[in-house]
Each structure stands twice: as C-alpha cells, then as structure tokens.
Amino acid sequence: MIYNKKGFISGIFFLFLAICNVIILFINPNKISILFLIICLLFSIPEILRSLNEKSSNKDKVIEDERKIYIYTRSGNSTAIITFLLCILIIIVLTLSGSKWISTNLIAPMITILCIISSSMLIIWICSYIYYNRKE
C-alpha cells in the first residue's frame, strides 16, 4: 500500500530517469551517464521504499509540517524586521529633509505615527522573545 503518494511519484520519476539512462548507456556509454544513473537510483529507491512504509511516511509528514511551520515563522519574522527598518528609514528621511517635499503641517503627525508603530513593533518583538525564551 502506498502511504506517501508524493514521495512515491517522485521515486517513480527518478526510477524512470534511471531506466532511460540505462537505454542511453547501451547506445553511448560514458562516465557522466553512469554517474547520472547512480544518482537517479540513489534518489529513487529510498523514496519508493519510504513511501511504501507507513512509519517512514508518517515521519515524513511530520517533518514536512514542521518545515512549513518553521518557514511561516521565519517569513513572519523577516517581514516584521523589514517593516521595522522601513519605518525607521522613513522617520529618518522625514526628519532630515521632509519639509522640502511635504507640508510642514503633515510631517509631525507622520513622524509621530511612524514612531508609535516602530516602537510598538520593537516592544512586541522584545516581549515575544522573552516569552518564547522562558517557555523553552
């Protein structure tokens, strides 16, 4: 019974490449084709065996779920850092030469809002770091 269809299809694909490479080896044998055959077999056989084993397939699913959570967390963290740095950059630009581009009446509220946003992001960042550091 196939427990991991995605892994099984991947293994069959690499096995198909290996079979095609064997046919090519009979026509034109060279070292690169032999190396490619070995690589295809090394990728295909474990994938097929893992997809047919229930325990290995469940472990693969858990690892894939953990990977998705890790990527989601890292992307959220990167987004927060980039947003924070953009707020700081806009504050600096508006503070130094904003009156040349925008009316002076608009600069003060914009700087105030960006300062509130960036400082709240920094406070939330520090608090979440402390919380998760103590949790683990």
C-alpha atoms as a PDB file:
ATOM      1  CA  MET A   1       0.000   0.000   0.000  1.00  0.00           C
ATOM      2  CA  ILE A   2       1.235   3.489  -0.868  1.00  0.00           C
ATOM      3  CA  TYR A   3       1.251   5.826   2.154  1.00  0.00           C
ATOM      4  CA  ASN A   4       3.030   8.828   0.662  1.00  0.00           C
ATOM      5  CA  LYS A   5       1.854   9.396  -2.911  1.00  0.00           C
ATOM      6  CA  LYS A   6       4.022  12.459  -3.481  1.00  0.00           C
ATOM      7  CA  GLY A   7       7.188  10.597  -2.476  1.00  0.00           C
ATOM      8  CA  PHE A   8       6.140   7.557  -4.492  1.00  0.00           C
ATOM      9  CA  ILE A   9       5.615   9.629  -7.641  1.00  0.00           C
ATOM     10  CA  SER A  10       8.981  11.315  -7.094  1.00  0.00           C
ATOM     11  CA  GLY A  11      10.670   7.916  -6.697  1.00  0.00           C
ATOM     12  CA  ILE A  12       8.974   6.528  -9.802  1.00  0.00           C
ATOM     13  CA  PHE A  13      10.051   9.600 -11.765  1.00  0.00           C
ATOM     14  CA  PHE A  14      13.704   9.143 -10.766  1.00  0.00           C
ATOM     15  CA  LEU A  15      13.435   5.413 -11.477  1.00  0.00           C
ATOM     16  CA  PHE A  16      12.059   6.234 -14.929  1.00  0.00           C
ATOM     17  CA  LEU A  17      15.033   8.576 -15.491  1.00  0.00           C
ATOM     18  CA  ALA A  18      17.374   5.769 -14.429  1.00  0.00           C
ATOM     19  CA  ILE A  19      15.728   3.329 -16.879  1.00  0.00           C
ATOM     20  CA  CYS A  20      16.009   5.895 -19.677  1.00  0.00           C
ATOM     21  CA  ASN A  21      19.630   6.401 -18.735  1.00  0.00           C
ATOM     22  CA  VAL A  22      20.306   2.638 -18.968  1.00  0.00           C
ATOM     23  CA  ILE A  23      18.937   2.703 -22.527  1.00  0.00           C
ATOM     24  CA  ILE A  24      21.178   5.671 -23.319  1.00  0.00           C
ATOM     25  CA  LEU A  25      24.145   3.813 -21.783  1.00  0.00           C
ATOM     26  CA  PHE A  26      23.716   0.984 -24.301  1.00  0.00           C
ATOM     27  CA  ILE A  27      23.787   3.492 -27.161  1.00  0.00           C
ATOM     28  CA  ASN A  28      26.558   5.806 -25.935  1.00  0.00           C
ATOM     29  CA  PRO A  29      28.392   4.726 -22.759  1.00  0.00           C
ATOM     30  CA  ASN A  30      30.283   7.449 -20.916  1.00  0.00           C
ATOM     31  CA  LYS A  31      31.210   8.373 -17.331  1.00  0.00           C
ATOM     32  CA  ILE A  32      28.605  11.129 -16.980  1.00  0.00           C
ATOM     33  CA  SER A  33      25.761   8.753 -17.862  1.00  0.00           C
ATOM     34  CA  ILE A  34      26.976   6.217 -15.315  1.00  0.00           C
ATOM     35  CA  LEU A  35      27.195   8.930 -12.648  1.00  0.00           C
ATOM     36  CA  PHE A  36      23.693  10.157 -13.537  1.00  0.00           C
ATOM     37  CA  LEU A  37      22.384   6.567 -13.330  1.00  0.00           C
ATOM     38  CA  ILE A  38      23.847   6.120  -9.857  1.00  0.00           C
ATOM     39  CA  ILE A  39      22.384   9.434  -8.674  1.00  0.00           C
ATOM     40  CA  CYS A  40      18.936   8.577 -10.058  1.00  0.00           C
ATOM     41  CA  LEU A  41      18.987   5.191  -8.358  1.00  0.00           C
ATOM     42  CA  LEU A  42      20.151   6.722  -5.075  1.00  0.00           C
ATOM     43  CA  PHE A  43      17.203   9.125  -5.173  1.00  0.00           C
ATOM     44  CA  SER A  44      14.544   6.743  -6.449  1.00  0.00           C
ATOM     45  CA  ILE A  45      14.960   3.591  -4.355  1.00  0.00           C
ATOM     46  CA  PRO A  46      14.841   5.256  -0.899  1.00  0.00           C
ATOM     47  CA  GLU A  47      11.886   7.428  -1.949  1.00  0.00           C
ATOM     48  CA  ILE A  48       9.885   4.426  -3.111  1.00  0.00           C
ATOM     49  CA  LEU A  49      10.760   2.407  -0.006  1.00  0.00           C
ATOM     50  CA  ARG A  50       9.847   5.289   2.330  1.00  0.00           C
ATOM     51  CA  SER A  51       6.536   5.847   0.571  1.00  0.00           C
ATOM     52  CA  LEU A  52       5.616   2.173   0.954  1.00  0.00           C
ATOM     53  CA  ASN A  53       6.481   2.104   4.682  1.00  0.00           C
ATOM     54  CA  GLU A  54       3.763   3.575   6.929  1.00  0.00           C
ATOM     55  CA  LYS A  55       6.091   4.607   9.763  1.00  0.00           C
ATOM     56  CA  SER A  56       8.516   6.401   7.442  1.00  0.00           C
ATOM     57  CA  SER A  57       5.654   8.126   5.616  1.00  0.00           C
ATOM     58  CA  ASN A  58       4.189   9.428   8.874  1.00  0.00           C
ATOM     59  CA  LYS A  59       7.621  10.692   9.924  1.00  0.00           C
ATOM     60  CA  ASP A  60       7.986  12.454   6.550  1.00  0.00           C
ATOM     61  CA  LYS A  61       4.587  14.137   7.012  1.00  0.00           C
ATOM     62  CA  VAL A  62       5.535  15.353  10.491  1.00  0.00           C
ATOM     63  CA  ILE A  63       8.843  16.715   9.188  1.00  0.00           C
ATOM     64  CA  GLU A  64       7.070  18.461   6.310  1.00  0.00           C
ATOM     65  CA  ASP A  65       4.534  20.023   8.716  1.00  0.00           C
ATOM     66  CA  GLU A  66       7.339  21.213  10.994  1.00  0.00           C
ATOM     67  CA  ARG A  67       9.144  22.647   7.975  1.00  0.00           C
ATOM     68  CA  LYS A  68       6.027  24.573   6.895  1.00  0.00           C
ATOM     69  CA  ILE A  69       5.623  25.993  10.406  1.00  0.00           C
ATOM     70  CA  TYR A  70       9.318  26.950  10.514  1.00  0.00           C
ATOM     71  CA  ILE A  71       9.130  28.675   7.129  1.00  0.00           C
ATOM     72  CA  TYR A  72       5.943  30.512   8.137  1.00  0.00           C
ATOM     73  CA  THR A  73       7.564  31.689  11.382  1.00  0.00           C
ATOM     74  CA  ARG A  74      10.782  32.784   9.671  1.00  0.00           C
ATOM     75  CA  SER A  75       8.908  34.659   6.944  1.00  0.00           C
ATOM     76  CA  GLY A  76       6.788  36.438   9.555  1.00  0.00           C
ATOM     77  CA  ASN A  77       9.911  37.372  11.487  1.00  0.00           C
ATOM     78  CA  SER A  78      11.612  38.659   8.344  1.00  0.00           C
ATOM     79  CA  THR A  79       8.520  40.673   7.445  1.00  0.00           C
ATOM     80  CA  ALA A  80       8.475  42.276  10.890  1.00  0.00           C
ATOM     81  CA  ILE A  81      12.162  43.165  10.690  1.00  0.00           C
ATOM     82  CA  ILE A  82      11.824  44.664   7.204  1.00  0.00           C
ATOM     83  CA  THR A  83       8.743  46.673   8.226  1.00  0.00           C
ATOM     84  CA  PHE A  84      10.507  47.953  11.327  1.00  0.00           C
ATOM     85  CA  LEU A  85      13.564  49.029   9.329  1.00  0.00           C
ATOM     86  CA  LEU A  86      11.365  50.718   6.725  1.00  0.00           C
ATOM     87  CA  CYS A  87       9.595  52.695   9.453  1.00  0.00           C
ATOM     88  CA  ILE A  88      12.935  53.787  10.894  1.00  0.00           C
ATOM     89  CA  LEU A  89      14.185  54.772   7.431  1.00  0.00           C
ATOM     90  CA  ILE A  90      11.076  56.828   6.693  1.00  0.00           C
ATOM     91  CA  ILE A  91      11.359  58.526  10.090  1.00  0.00           C
ATOM     92  CA  ILE A  92      14.957  59.474   9.381  1.00  0.00           C
ATOM     93  CA  VAL A  93      14.175  60.753   5.871  1.00  0.00           C
ATOM     94  CA  LEU A  94      11.191  62.772   7.056  1.00  0.00           C
ATOM     95  CA  THR A  95      13.118  64.182   9.982  1.00  0.00           C
ATOM     96  CA  LEU A  96      16.100  65.271   7.917  1.00  0.00           C
ATOM     97  CA  SER A  97      14.528  66.591   4.750  1.00  0.00           C
ATOM     98  CA  GLY A  98      10.788  66.033   4.834  1.00  0.00           C
ATOM     99  CA  SER A  99       9.897  69.723   4.914  1.00  0.00           C
ATOM    100  CA  LYS A 100      11.269  70.145   1.398  1.00  0.00           C
ATOM    101  CA  TRP A 101       8.837  67.574  -0.042  1.00  0.00           C
ATOM    102  CA  ILE A 102       5.771  67.674   2.176  1.00  0.00           C
ATOM    103  CA  SER A 103       3.981  70.428   4.003  1.00  0.00           C
ATOM    104  CA  THR A 104       5.387  71.090   7.457  1.00  0.00           C
ATOM    105  CA  ASN A 105       1.947  70.519   8.976  1.00  0.00           C
ATOM    106  CA  LEU A 106       1.924  66.901   7.763  1.00  0.00           C
ATOM    107  CA  ILE A 107       5.441  65.927   8.844  1.00  0.00           C
ATOM    108  CA  ALA A 108       4.873  65.982  12.598  1.00  0.00           C
ATOM    109  CA  PRO A 109       1.831  63.636  12.569  1.00  0.00           C
ATOM    110  CA  MET A 110       3.541  61.282  10.117  1.00  0.00           C
ATOM    111  CA  ILE A 111       6.698  61.088  12.244  1.00  0.00           C
ATOM    112  CA  THR A 112       4.581  60.571  15.360  1.00  0.00           C
ATOM    113  CA  ILE A 113       2.599  57.731  13.796  1.00  0.00           C
ATOM    114  CA  LEU A 114       5.719  56.017  12.438  1.00  0.00           C
ATOM    115  CA  CYS A 115       7.449  56.366  15.816  1.00  0.00           C
ATOM    116  CA  ILE A 116       4.467  54.782  17.548  1.00  0.00           C
ATOM    117  CA  ILE A 117       4.392  51.925  15.022  1.00  0.00           C
ATOM    118  CA  SER A 118       8.116  51.236  15.159  1.00  0.00           C
ATOM    119  CA  SER A 119       8.341  51.469  18.959  1.00  0.00           C
ATOM    120  CA  SER A 120       5.330  49.184  19.416  1.00  0.00           C
ATOM    121  CA  MET A 121       6.884  46.679  16.985  1.00  0.00           C
ATOM    122  CA  LEU A 122      10.124  46.794  18.971  1.00  0.00           C
ATOM    123  CA  ILE A 123       8.314  46.298  22.290  1.00  0.00           C
ATOM    124  CA  ILE A 124       6.259  43.394  20.912  1.00  0.00           C
ATOM    125  CA  TRP A 125       9.404  41.859  19.414  1.00  0.00           C
ATOM    126  CA  ILE A 126      11.252  42.016  22.749  1.00  0.00           C
ATOM    127  CA  CYS A 127       8.261  40.701  24.720  1.00  0.00           C
ATOM    128  CA  SER A 128       7.721  37.755  22.374  1.00  0.00           C
ATOM    129  CA  TYR A 129      11.434  36.938  22.507  1.00  0.00           C
ATOM    130  CA  ILE A 130      11.365  36.902  26.315  1.00  0.00           C
ATOM    131  CA  TYR A 131       8.143  34.863  26.372  1.00  0.00           C
ATOM    132  CA  TYR A 132       9.379  32.165  23.998  1.00  0.00           C
ATOM    133  CA  ASN A 133      12.815  32.109  25.628  1.00  0.00           C
ATOM    134  CA  ARG A 134      11.229  31.393  29.030  1.00  0.00           C
ATOM    135  CA  LYS A 135       8.780  28.908  27.529  1.00  0.00           C
ATOM    136  CA  GLU A 136      11.565  26.704  26.194  1.00  0.00           C
END
